[in-house]
């Protein structure tokens, strides 16, 4: 049965959702049977149960976001993947064969998942708010030096560095350096997330999205709300 919330939302605004792996896997109608054979083969190769669940939940959540945005069924909302480096399918940046004008992105980390869909380029990243990126040599390779100096100037640079990290990852996944970036913290799930997008993005509360509602303007205590533009500030150097 199609999920038609996307028709009411409008085609010019994307959506993003952050949730826990447990929340996604507990949602009726989201299950491993929705995955394509190549996805199930990749899943079978993951030996750590928690990571396997995270990968599964991220792939299910991105299908739900696509279905909400487009009105397609969950089966029709499956993303494909193509690696620009080797030209092979099954890995690389996800895309939609049935809606080539829409960008899709997903992320997972230690019991957290995120997904986004919207017109044009889209990239999303999520990390636990307690995580601290590093080591410094890696940060210097991936993040602009001026932003690193600014983040390191405070008494506790960890949270600022994490915000820089998720922003850079979102830009990297979107494949564009010039996009607006929205970064936010989901206190209920102890998560920091960022989405880079061509179009405005509506951040949906996970509870509403997973319960079958997609209420624009619902800014309750579920860590979401409507964002009219993705990003008040950009990394100085864009995505490395």
C-alpha atoms as a PDB file:
ATOM      1  CA  UNK A   1       0.000   0.000   0.000  1.00  0.00           C
ATOM      2  CA  UNK A   2       1.503   3.375  -0.985  1.00  0.00           C
ATOM      3  CA  UNK A   3       2.415   5.911   1.687  1.00  0.00           C
ATOM      4  CA  UNK A   4       1.105   9.180   0.297  1.00  0.00           C
ATOM      5  CA  UNK A   5       2.221  11.750   2.877  1.00  0.00           C
ATOM      6  CA  UNK A   6       4.759  13.062   0.366  1.00  0.00           C
ATOM      7  CA  UNK A   7       2.056  14.403  -1.927  1.00  0.00           C
ATOM      8  CA  UNK A   8       0.793  16.697   0.787  1.00  0.00           C
ATOM      9  CA  UNK A   9       4.301  17.749   1.803  1.00  0.00           C
ATOM     10  CA  UNK A  10       5.240  19.146  -1.599  1.00  0.00           C
ATOM     11  CA  UNK A  11       7.835  18.106  -4.107  1.00  0.00           C
ATOM     12  CA  UNK A  12      10.210  21.004  -3.436  1.00  0.00           C
ATOM     13  CA  UNK A  13      10.960  20.129   0.208  1.00  0.00           C
ATOM     14  CA  UNK A  14      12.934  17.093   1.314  1.00  0.00           C
ATOM     15  CA  UNK A  15      12.620  15.157   4.558  1.00  0.00           C
ATOM     16  CA  UNK A  16      15.119  13.809   7.073  1.00  0.00           C
ATOM     17  CA  UNK A  17      14.649  11.471  10.038  1.00  0.00           C
ATOM     18  CA  UNK A  18      16.929  10.394  12.893  1.00  0.00           C
ATOM     19  CA  UNK A  19      15.911   7.351  14.939  1.00  0.00           C
ATOM     20  CA  UNK A  20      17.369   4.543  16.971  1.00  0.00           C
ATOM     21  CA  UNK A  21      17.929   1.177  15.352  1.00  0.00           C
ATOM     22  CA  UNK A  22      15.528  -0.351  17.848  1.00  0.00           C
ATOM     23  CA  UNK A  23      12.758   2.095  16.907  1.00  0.00           C
ATOM     24  CA  UNK A  24      13.070   1.289  13.217  1.00  0.00           C
ATOM     25  CA  UNK A  25      13.225  -2.476  13.615  1.00  0.00           C
ATOM     26  CA  UNK A  26      10.176  -2.405  15.892  1.00  0.00           C
ATOM     27  CA  UNK A  27       8.068  -0.583  13.291  1.00  0.00           C
ATOM     28  CA  UNK A  28       5.429  -2.911  11.735  1.00  0.00           C
ATOM     29  CA  UNK A  29       5.909  -3.294   8.004  1.00  0.00           C
ATOM     30  CA  UNK A  30       9.665  -2.679   8.051  1.00  0.00           C
ATOM     31  CA  UNK A  31      11.550  -5.967   7.784  1.00  0.00           C
ATOM     32  CA  UNK A  32      14.479  -7.645   6.099  1.00  0.00           C
ATOM     33  CA  UNK A  33      12.254  -9.042   3.360  1.00  0.00           C
ATOM     34  CA  UNK A  34      12.090  -5.555   1.813  1.00  0.00           C
ATOM     35  CA  UNK A  35      15.783  -5.688   0.978  1.00  0.00           C
ATOM     36  CA  UNK A  36      17.047  -6.647  -2.467  1.00  0.00           C
ATOM     37  CA  UNK A  37      19.027  -9.895  -2.806  1.00  0.00           C
ATOM     38  CA  UNK A  38      22.342  -8.022  -3.074  1.00  0.00           C
ATOM     39  CA  UNK A  39      21.534  -6.119   0.117  1.00  0.00           C
ATOM     40  CA  UNK A  40      20.738  -9.330   1.977  1.00  0.00           C
ATOM     41  CA  UNK A  41      24.026 -10.844   0.794  1.00  0.00           C
ATOM     42  CA  UNK A  42      25.918  -7.858   2.152  1.00  0.00           C
ATOM     43  CA  UNK A  43      23.977  -8.078   5.400  1.00  0.00           C
ATOM     44  CA  UNK A  44      24.868 -11.756   5.756  1.00  0.00           C
ATOM     45  CA  UNK A  45      28.548 -10.851   5.628  1.00  0.00           C
ATOM     46  CA  UNK A  46      28.369  -8.602   8.709  1.00  0.00           C
ATOM     47  CA  UNK A  47      29.482 -10.640  11.723  1.00  0.00           C
ATOM     48  CA  UNK A  48      28.803  -8.124  14.495  1.00  0.00           C
ATOM     49  CA  UNK A  49      25.073  -8.357  15.371  1.00  0.00           C
ATOM     50  CA  UNK A  50      24.734  -4.730  16.463  1.00  0.00           C
ATOM     51  CA  UNK A  51      26.322  -3.411  13.275  1.00  0.00           C
ATOM     52  CA  UNK A  52      24.164  -5.735  11.190  1.00  0.00           C
ATOM     53  CA  UNK A  53      21.051  -4.337  12.844  1.00  0.00           C
ATOM     54  CA  UNK A  54      22.253  -0.763  12.232  1.00  0.00           C
ATOM     55  CA  UNK A  55      22.816  -1.410   8.519  1.00  0.00           C
ATOM     56  CA  UNK A  56      19.419  -3.084   8.190  1.00  0.00           C
ATOM     57  CA  UNK A  57      17.637  -0.274  10.043  1.00  0.00           C
ATOM     58  CA  UNK A  58      19.288   2.431   7.919  1.00  0.00           C
ATOM     59  CA  UNK A  59      18.226   0.717   4.683  1.00  0.00           C
ATOM     60  CA  UNK A  60      14.679   0.317   5.955  1.00  0.00           C
ATOM     61  CA  UNK A  61      14.482   3.914   7.161  1.00  0.00           C
ATOM     62  CA  UNK A  62      15.597   5.331   3.827  1.00  0.00           C
ATOM     63  CA  UNK A  63      12.833   3.327   2.124  1.00  0.00           C
ATOM     64  CA  UNK A  64      10.297   4.760   4.547  1.00  0.00           C
ATOM     65  CA  UNK A  65      11.513   8.307   3.854  1.00  0.00           C
ATOM     66  CA  UNK A  66      11.281   7.792   0.101  1.00  0.00           C
ATOM     67  CA  UNK A  67       7.789   6.324   0.435  1.00  0.00           C
ATOM     68  CA  UNK A  68       6.669   9.247   2.604  1.00  0.00           C
ATOM     69  CA  UNK A  69       8.057  11.782   0.160  1.00  0.00           C
ATOM     70  CA  UNK A  70       6.901  10.234  -3.112  1.00  0.00           C
ATOM     71  CA  UNK A  71       3.858   8.108  -2.366  1.00  0.00           C
ATOM     72  CA  UNK A  72       5.640   5.022  -3.707  1.00  0.00           C
ATOM     73  CA  UNK A  73       5.316   1.698  -1.917  1.00  0.00           C
ATOM     74  CA  UNK A  74       8.125   0.531   0.337  1.00  0.00           C
ATOM     75  CA  UNK A  75       9.122  -2.039  -2.294  1.00  0.00           C
ATOM     76  CA  UNK A  76       9.245   0.648  -4.984  1.00  0.00           C
ATOM     77  CA  UNK A  77      11.319   2.914  -2.715  1.00  0.00           C
ATOM     78  CA  UNK A  78      14.429   0.721  -2.717  1.00  0.00           C
ATOM     79  CA  UNK A  79      17.649   2.648  -3.423  1.00  0.00           C
ATOM     80  CA  UNK A  80      20.320   1.371  -5.777  1.00  0.00           C
ATOM     81  CA  UNK A  81      24.019   2.132  -5.335  1.00  0.00           C
ATOM     82  CA  UNK A  82      26.748   2.959  -7.834  1.00  0.00           C
ATOM     83  CA  UNK A  83      30.416   3.562  -7.089  1.00  0.00           C
ATOM     84  CA  UNK A  84      31.803   6.450  -9.180  1.00  0.00           C
ATOM     85  CA  UNK A  85      35.314   5.122  -8.677  1.00  0.00           C
ATOM     86  CA  UNK A  86      35.009   1.593 -10.058  1.00  0.00           C
ATOM     87  CA  UNK A  87      31.676   1.938 -11.863  1.00  0.00           C
ATOM     88  CA  UNK A  88      30.207  -1.104 -10.114  1.00  0.00           C
ATOM     89  CA  UNK A  89      26.797  -1.354  -8.534  1.00  0.00           C
ATOM     90  CA  UNK A  90      26.089  -2.466  -4.969  1.00  0.00           C
ATOM     91  CA  UNK A  91      28.181   0.128  -3.169  1.00  0.00           C
ATOM     92  CA  UNK A  92      28.815   3.857  -3.398  1.00  0.00           C
ATOM     93  CA  UNK A  93      26.342   6.727  -3.293  1.00  0.00           C
ATOM     94  CA  UNK A  94      22.684   5.576  -3.204  1.00  0.00           C
ATOM     95  CA  UNK A  95      20.221   6.754  -5.829  1.00  0.00           C
ATOM     96  CA  UNK A  96      16.670   6.045  -6.973  1.00  0.00           C
ATOM     97  CA  UNK A  97      16.218   4.379 -10.349  1.00  0.00           C
ATOM     98  CA  UNK A  98      12.514   5.273 -10.391  1.00  0.00           C
ATOM     99  CA  UNK A  99      13.052   8.955  -9.427  1.00  0.00           C
ATOM    100  CA  UNK A 100      16.408  10.081 -10.819  1.00  0.00           C
ATOM    101  CA  UNK A 101      15.793  13.707  -9.794  1.00  0.00           C
ATOM    102  CA  UNK A 102      15.610  12.841  -6.103  1.00  0.00           C
ATOM    103  CA  UNK A 103      18.640  12.478  -3.874  1.00  0.00           C
ATOM    104  CA  UNK A 104      18.742   9.908  -1.061  1.00  0.00           C
ATOM    105  CA  UNK A 105      21.181   9.333   1.763  1.00  0.00           C
ATOM    106  CA  UNK A 106      21.481   7.180   4.887  1.00  0.00           C
ATOM    107  CA  UNK A 107      23.752   6.845   7.883  1.00  0.00           C
ATOM    108  CA  UNK A 108      24.192   4.553  10.889  1.00  0.00           C
ATOM    109  CA  UNK A 109      26.367   4.586  14.003  1.00  0.00           C
ATOM    110  CA  UNK A 110      26.199   2.554  17.201  1.00  0.00           C
ATOM    111  CA  UNK A 111      22.455   2.071  17.497  1.00  0.00           C
ATOM    112  CA  UNK A 112      21.496   5.252  15.630  1.00  0.00           C
ATOM    113  CA  UNK A 113      20.258   5.614  12.057  1.00  0.00           C
ATOM    114  CA  UNK A 114      19.361   8.534   9.799  1.00  0.00           C
ATOM    115  CA  UNK A 115      17.925   8.921   6.329  1.00  0.00           C
ATOM    116  CA  UNK A 116      17.072  11.789   3.999  1.00  0.00           C
ATOM    117  CA  UNK A 117      15.416  12.301   0.625  1.00  0.00           C
ATOM    118  CA  UNK A 118      14.853  15.441  -1.399  1.00  0.00           C
ATOM    119  CA  UNK A 119      15.174  17.144  -4.771  1.00  0.00           C
ATOM    120  CA  UNK A 120      18.741  17.316  -6.029  1.00  0.00           C
ATOM    121  CA  UNK A 121      21.770  16.392  -3.968  1.00  0.00           C
ATOM    122  CA  UNK A 122      21.290  15.127  -0.396  1.00  0.00           C
ATOM    123  CA  UNK A 123      23.703  13.829   2.227  1.00  0.00           C
ATOM    124  CA  UNK A 124      23.089  12.950   5.884  1.00  0.00           C
ATOM    125  CA  UNK A 125      25.255  11.824   8.789  1.00  0.00           C
ATOM    126  CA  UNK A 126      24.528  10.874  12.411  1.00  0.00           C
ATOM    127  CA  UNK A 127      26.825  10.159  15.341  1.00  0.00           C
ATOM    128  CA  UNK A 128      26.352   9.529  19.067  1.00  0.00           C
ATOM    129  CA  UNK A 129      26.731  12.827  20.901  1.00  0.00           C
ATOM    130  CA  UNK A 130      29.382  11.282  23.165  1.00  0.00           C
ATOM    131  CA  UNK A 131      31.657  10.340  20.264  1.00  0.00           C
ATOM    132  CA  UNK A 132      34.818  12.351  19.697  1.00  0.00           C
ATOM    133  CA  UNK A 133      36.339  12.320  16.205  1.00  0.00           C
ATOM    134  CA  UNK A 134      40.042  11.836  15.707  1.00  0.00           C
ATOM    135  CA  UNK A 135      42.945  11.358  15.637  1.00  0.00           C
ATOM    136  CA  UNK A 136      44.142  14.912  14.848  1.00  0.00           C
ATOM    137  CA  UNK A 137      45.986  13.870  11.674  1.00  0.00           C
ATOM    138  CA  UNK A 138      42.724  12.513  10.254  1.00  0.00           C
ATOM    139  CA  UNK A 139      40.813  15.653  11.228  1.00  0.00           C
ATOM    140  CA  UNK A 140      43.420  17.854   9.557  1.00  0.00           C
ATOM    141  CA  UNK A 141      43.063  15.851   6.362  1.00  0.00           C
ATOM    142  CA  UNK A 142      39.264  16.040   6.279  1.00  0.00           C
ATOM    143  CA  UNK A 143      38.340  19.359   7.887  1.00  0.00           C
ATOM    144  CA  UNK A 144      39.295  22.978   7.105  1.00  0.00           C
ATOM    145  CA  UNK A 145      42.181  24.188   9.252  1.00  0.00           C
ATOM    146  CA  UNK A 146      40.402  27.429  10.200  1.00  0.00           C
ATOM    147  CA  UNK A 147      37.382  25.525  11.505  1.00  0.00           C
ATOM    148  CA  UNK A 148      39.607  23.155  13.463  1.00  0.00           C
ATOM    149  CA  UNK A 149      41.359  26.078  15.152  1.00  0.00           C
ATOM    150  CA  UNK A 150      38.029  27.682  16.032  1.00  0.00           C
ATOM    151  CA  UNK A 151      36.612  24.444  17.439  1.00  0.00           C
ATOM    152  CA  UNK A 152      39.780  23.767  19.437  1.00  0.00           C
ATOM    153  CA  UNK A 153      39.809  27.185  21.066  1.00  0.00           C
ATOM    154  CA  UNK A 154      37.167  26.308  23.661  1.00  0.00           C
ATOM    155  CA  UNK A 155      37.741  24.554  26.979  1.00  0.00           C
ATOM    156  CA  UNK A 156      36.022  21.386  25.692  1.00  0.00           C
ATOM    157  CA  UNK A 157      36.586  21.111  21.921  1.00  0.00           C
ATOM    158  CA  UNK A 158      35.024  17.639  21.603  1.00  0.00           C
ATOM    159  CA  UNK A 159      31.395  18.638  20.882  1.00  0.00           C
ATOM    160  CA  UNK A 160      32.453  21.339  18.411  1.00  0.00           C
ATOM    161  CA  UNK A 161      34.732  18.918  16.574  1.00  0.00           C
ATOM    162  CA  UNK A 162      31.924  16.380  16.390  1.00  0.00           C
ATOM    163  CA  UNK A 163      29.615  18.967  14.840  1.00  0.00           C
ATOM    164  CA  UNK A 164      32.266  19.799  12.250  1.00  0.00           C
ATOM    165  CA  UNK A 165      32.665  16.095  11.530  1.00  0.00           C
ATOM    166  CA  UNK A 166      29.004  15.366  10.860  1.00  0.00           C
ATOM    167  CA  UNK A 167      28.712  18.458   8.668  1.00  0.00           C
ATOM    168  CA  UNK A 168      31.716  17.395   6.599  1.00  0.00           C
ATOM    169  CA  UNK A 169      30.378  13.843   6.298  1.00  0.00           C
ATOM    170  CA  UNK A 170      27.001  15.121   5.124  1.00  0.00           C
ATOM    171  CA  UNK A 171      28.664  17.218   2.415  1.00  0.00           C
ATOM    172  CA  UNK A 172      30.832  14.278   1.381  1.00  0.00           C
ATOM    173  CA  UNK A 173      27.827  12.006   1.033  1.00  0.00           C
ATOM    174  CA  UNK A 174      25.945  14.630  -0.975  1.00  0.00           C
ATOM    175  CA  UNK A 175      28.883  14.889  -3.364  1.00  0.00           C
ATOM    176  CA  UNK A 176      28.818  18.695  -3.418  1.00  0.00           C
ATOM    177  CA  UNK A 177      30.920  21.266  -1.592  1.00  0.00           C
ATOM    178  CA  UNK A 178      28.599  24.239  -2.057  1.00  0.00           C
ATOM    179  CA  UNK A 179      25.439  23.023  -0.317  1.00  0.00           C
ATOM    180  CA  UNK A 180      23.760  24.500   2.741  1.00  0.00           C
ATOM    181  CA  UNK A 181      24.159  22.298   5.801  1.00  0.00           C
ATOM    182  CA  UNK A 182      21.760  21.892   8.704  1.00  0.00           C
ATOM    183  CA  UNK A 183      23.162  20.422  11.902  1.00  0.00           C
ATOM    184  CA  UNK A 184      21.115  19.594  14.988  1.00  0.00           C
ATOM    185  CA  UNK A 185      21.157  17.583  18.201  1.00  0.00           C
ATOM    186  CA  UNK A 186      18.526  15.014  19.092  1.00  0.00           C
ATOM    187  CA  UNK A 187      18.682  14.998  22.876  1.00  0.00           C
ATOM    188  CA  UNK A 188      16.159  12.171  23.243  1.00  0.00           C
ATOM    189  CA  UNK A 189      18.460   9.833  21.291  1.00  0.00           C
ATOM    190  CA  UNK A 190      21.806  11.349  22.323  1.00  0.00           C
ATOM    191  CA  UNK A 191      22.590  12.007  18.669  1.00  0.00           C
ATOM    192  CA  UNK A 192      24.201  14.743  16.592  1.00  0.00           C
ATOM    193  CA  UNK A 193      23.152  14.862  12.937  1.00  0.00           C
ATOM    194  CA  UNK A 194      23.680  16.977   9.851  1.00  0.00           C
ATOM    195  CA  UNK A 195      22.056  17.065   6.427  1.00  0.00           C
ATOM    196  CA  UNK A 196      23.422  18.794   3.322  1.00  0.00           C
ATOM    197  CA  UNK A 197      20.847  19.458   0.649  1.00  0.00           C
ATOM    198  CA  UNK A 198      20.029  21.404  -2.477  1.00  0.00           C
ATOM    199  CA  UNK A 199      16.418  21.951  -1.382  1.00  0.00           C
ATOM    200  CA  UNK A 200      14.885  22.921   1.976  1.00  0.00           C
ATOM    201  CA  UNK A 201      14.617  19.992   4.387  1.00  0.00           C
ATOM    202  CA  UNK A 202      11.889  19.162   6.894  1.00  0.00           C
ATOM    203  CA  UNK A 203      13.290  17.230   9.855  1.00  0.00           C
ATOM    204  CA  UNK A 204      10.552  14.837  10.922  1.00  0.00           C
ATOM    205  CA  UNK A 205      10.228  13.529  14.482  1.00  0.00           C
ATOM    206  CA  UNK A 206      11.107   9.845  14.470  1.00  0.00           C
ATOM    207  CA  UNK A 207       8.002   8.908  16.430  1.00  0.00           C
ATOM    208  CA  UNK A 208       5.737  10.619  13.917  1.00  0.00           C
ATOM    209  CA  UNK A 209       7.531   9.211  10.862  1.00  0.00           C
ATOM    210  CA  UNK A 210       7.597   5.663  12.183  1.00  0.00           C
ATOM    211  CA  UNK A 211       4.000   5.815  13.425  1.00  0.00           C
ATOM    212  CA  UNK A 212       2.791   6.716   9.965  1.00  0.00           C
ATOM    213  CA  UNK A 213       2.357  10.446  10.556  1.00  0.00           C
ATOM    214  CA  UNK A 214       4.394  13.140   8.834  1.00  0.00           C
ATOM    215  CA  UNK A 215       3.015  16.303  10.408  1.00  0.00           C
ATOM    216  CA  UNK A 216       4.758  19.416   9.166  1.00  0.00           C
ATOM    217  CA  UNK A 217       5.285  21.775  12.008  1.00  0.00           C
ATOM    218  CA  UNK A 218       5.138  19.099  14.705  1.00  0.00           C
ATOM    219  CA  UNK A 219       7.875  20.345  16.985  1.00  0.00           C
ATOM    220  CA  UNK A 220       7.107  18.294  20.052  1.00  0.00           C
ATOM    221  CA  UNK A 221       9.629  16.636  22.296  1.00  0.00           C
ATOM    222  CA  UNK A 222      10.600  14.032  19.741  1.00  0.00           C
ATOM    223  CA  UNK A 223      13.659  15.776  18.370  1.00  0.00           C
ATOM    224  CA  UNK A 224      12.234  17.152  15.145  1.00  0.00           C
ATOM    225  CA  UNK A 225      10.469  19.979  13.409  1.00  0.00           C
ATOM    226  CA  UNK A 226      10.265  21.798  10.114  1.00  0.00           C
ATOM    227  CA  UNK A 227      13.384  23.493   8.831  1.00  0.00           C
ATOM    228  CA  UNK A 228      12.782  26.035   6.106  1.00  0.00           C
ATOM    229  CA  UNK A 229      16.338  26.067   4.865  1.00  0.00           C
ATOM    230  CA  UNK A 230      19.156  23.585   5.315  1.00  0.00           C
ATOM    231  CA  UNK A 231      21.848  25.361   7.171  1.00  0.00           C
ATOM    232  CA  UNK A 232      22.700  28.648   8.825  1.00  0.00           C
ATOM    233  CA  UNK A 233      26.456  28.205   8.273  1.00  0.00           C
ATOM    234  CA  UNK A 234      28.784  26.354   5.956  1.00  0.00           C
ATOM    235  CA  UNK A 235      32.215  24.890   6.571  1.00  0.00           C
ATOM    236  CA  UNK A 236      34.723  27.403   5.283  1.00  0.00           C
ATOM    237  CA  UNK A 237      36.384  24.975   2.963  1.00  0.00           C
ATOM    238  CA  UNK A 238      33.325  22.914   2.113  1.00  0.00           C
ATOM    239  CA  UNK A 239      33.790  19.167   1.980  1.00  0.00           C
ATOM    240  CA  UNK A 240      37.430  18.146   1.456  1.00  0.00           C
END
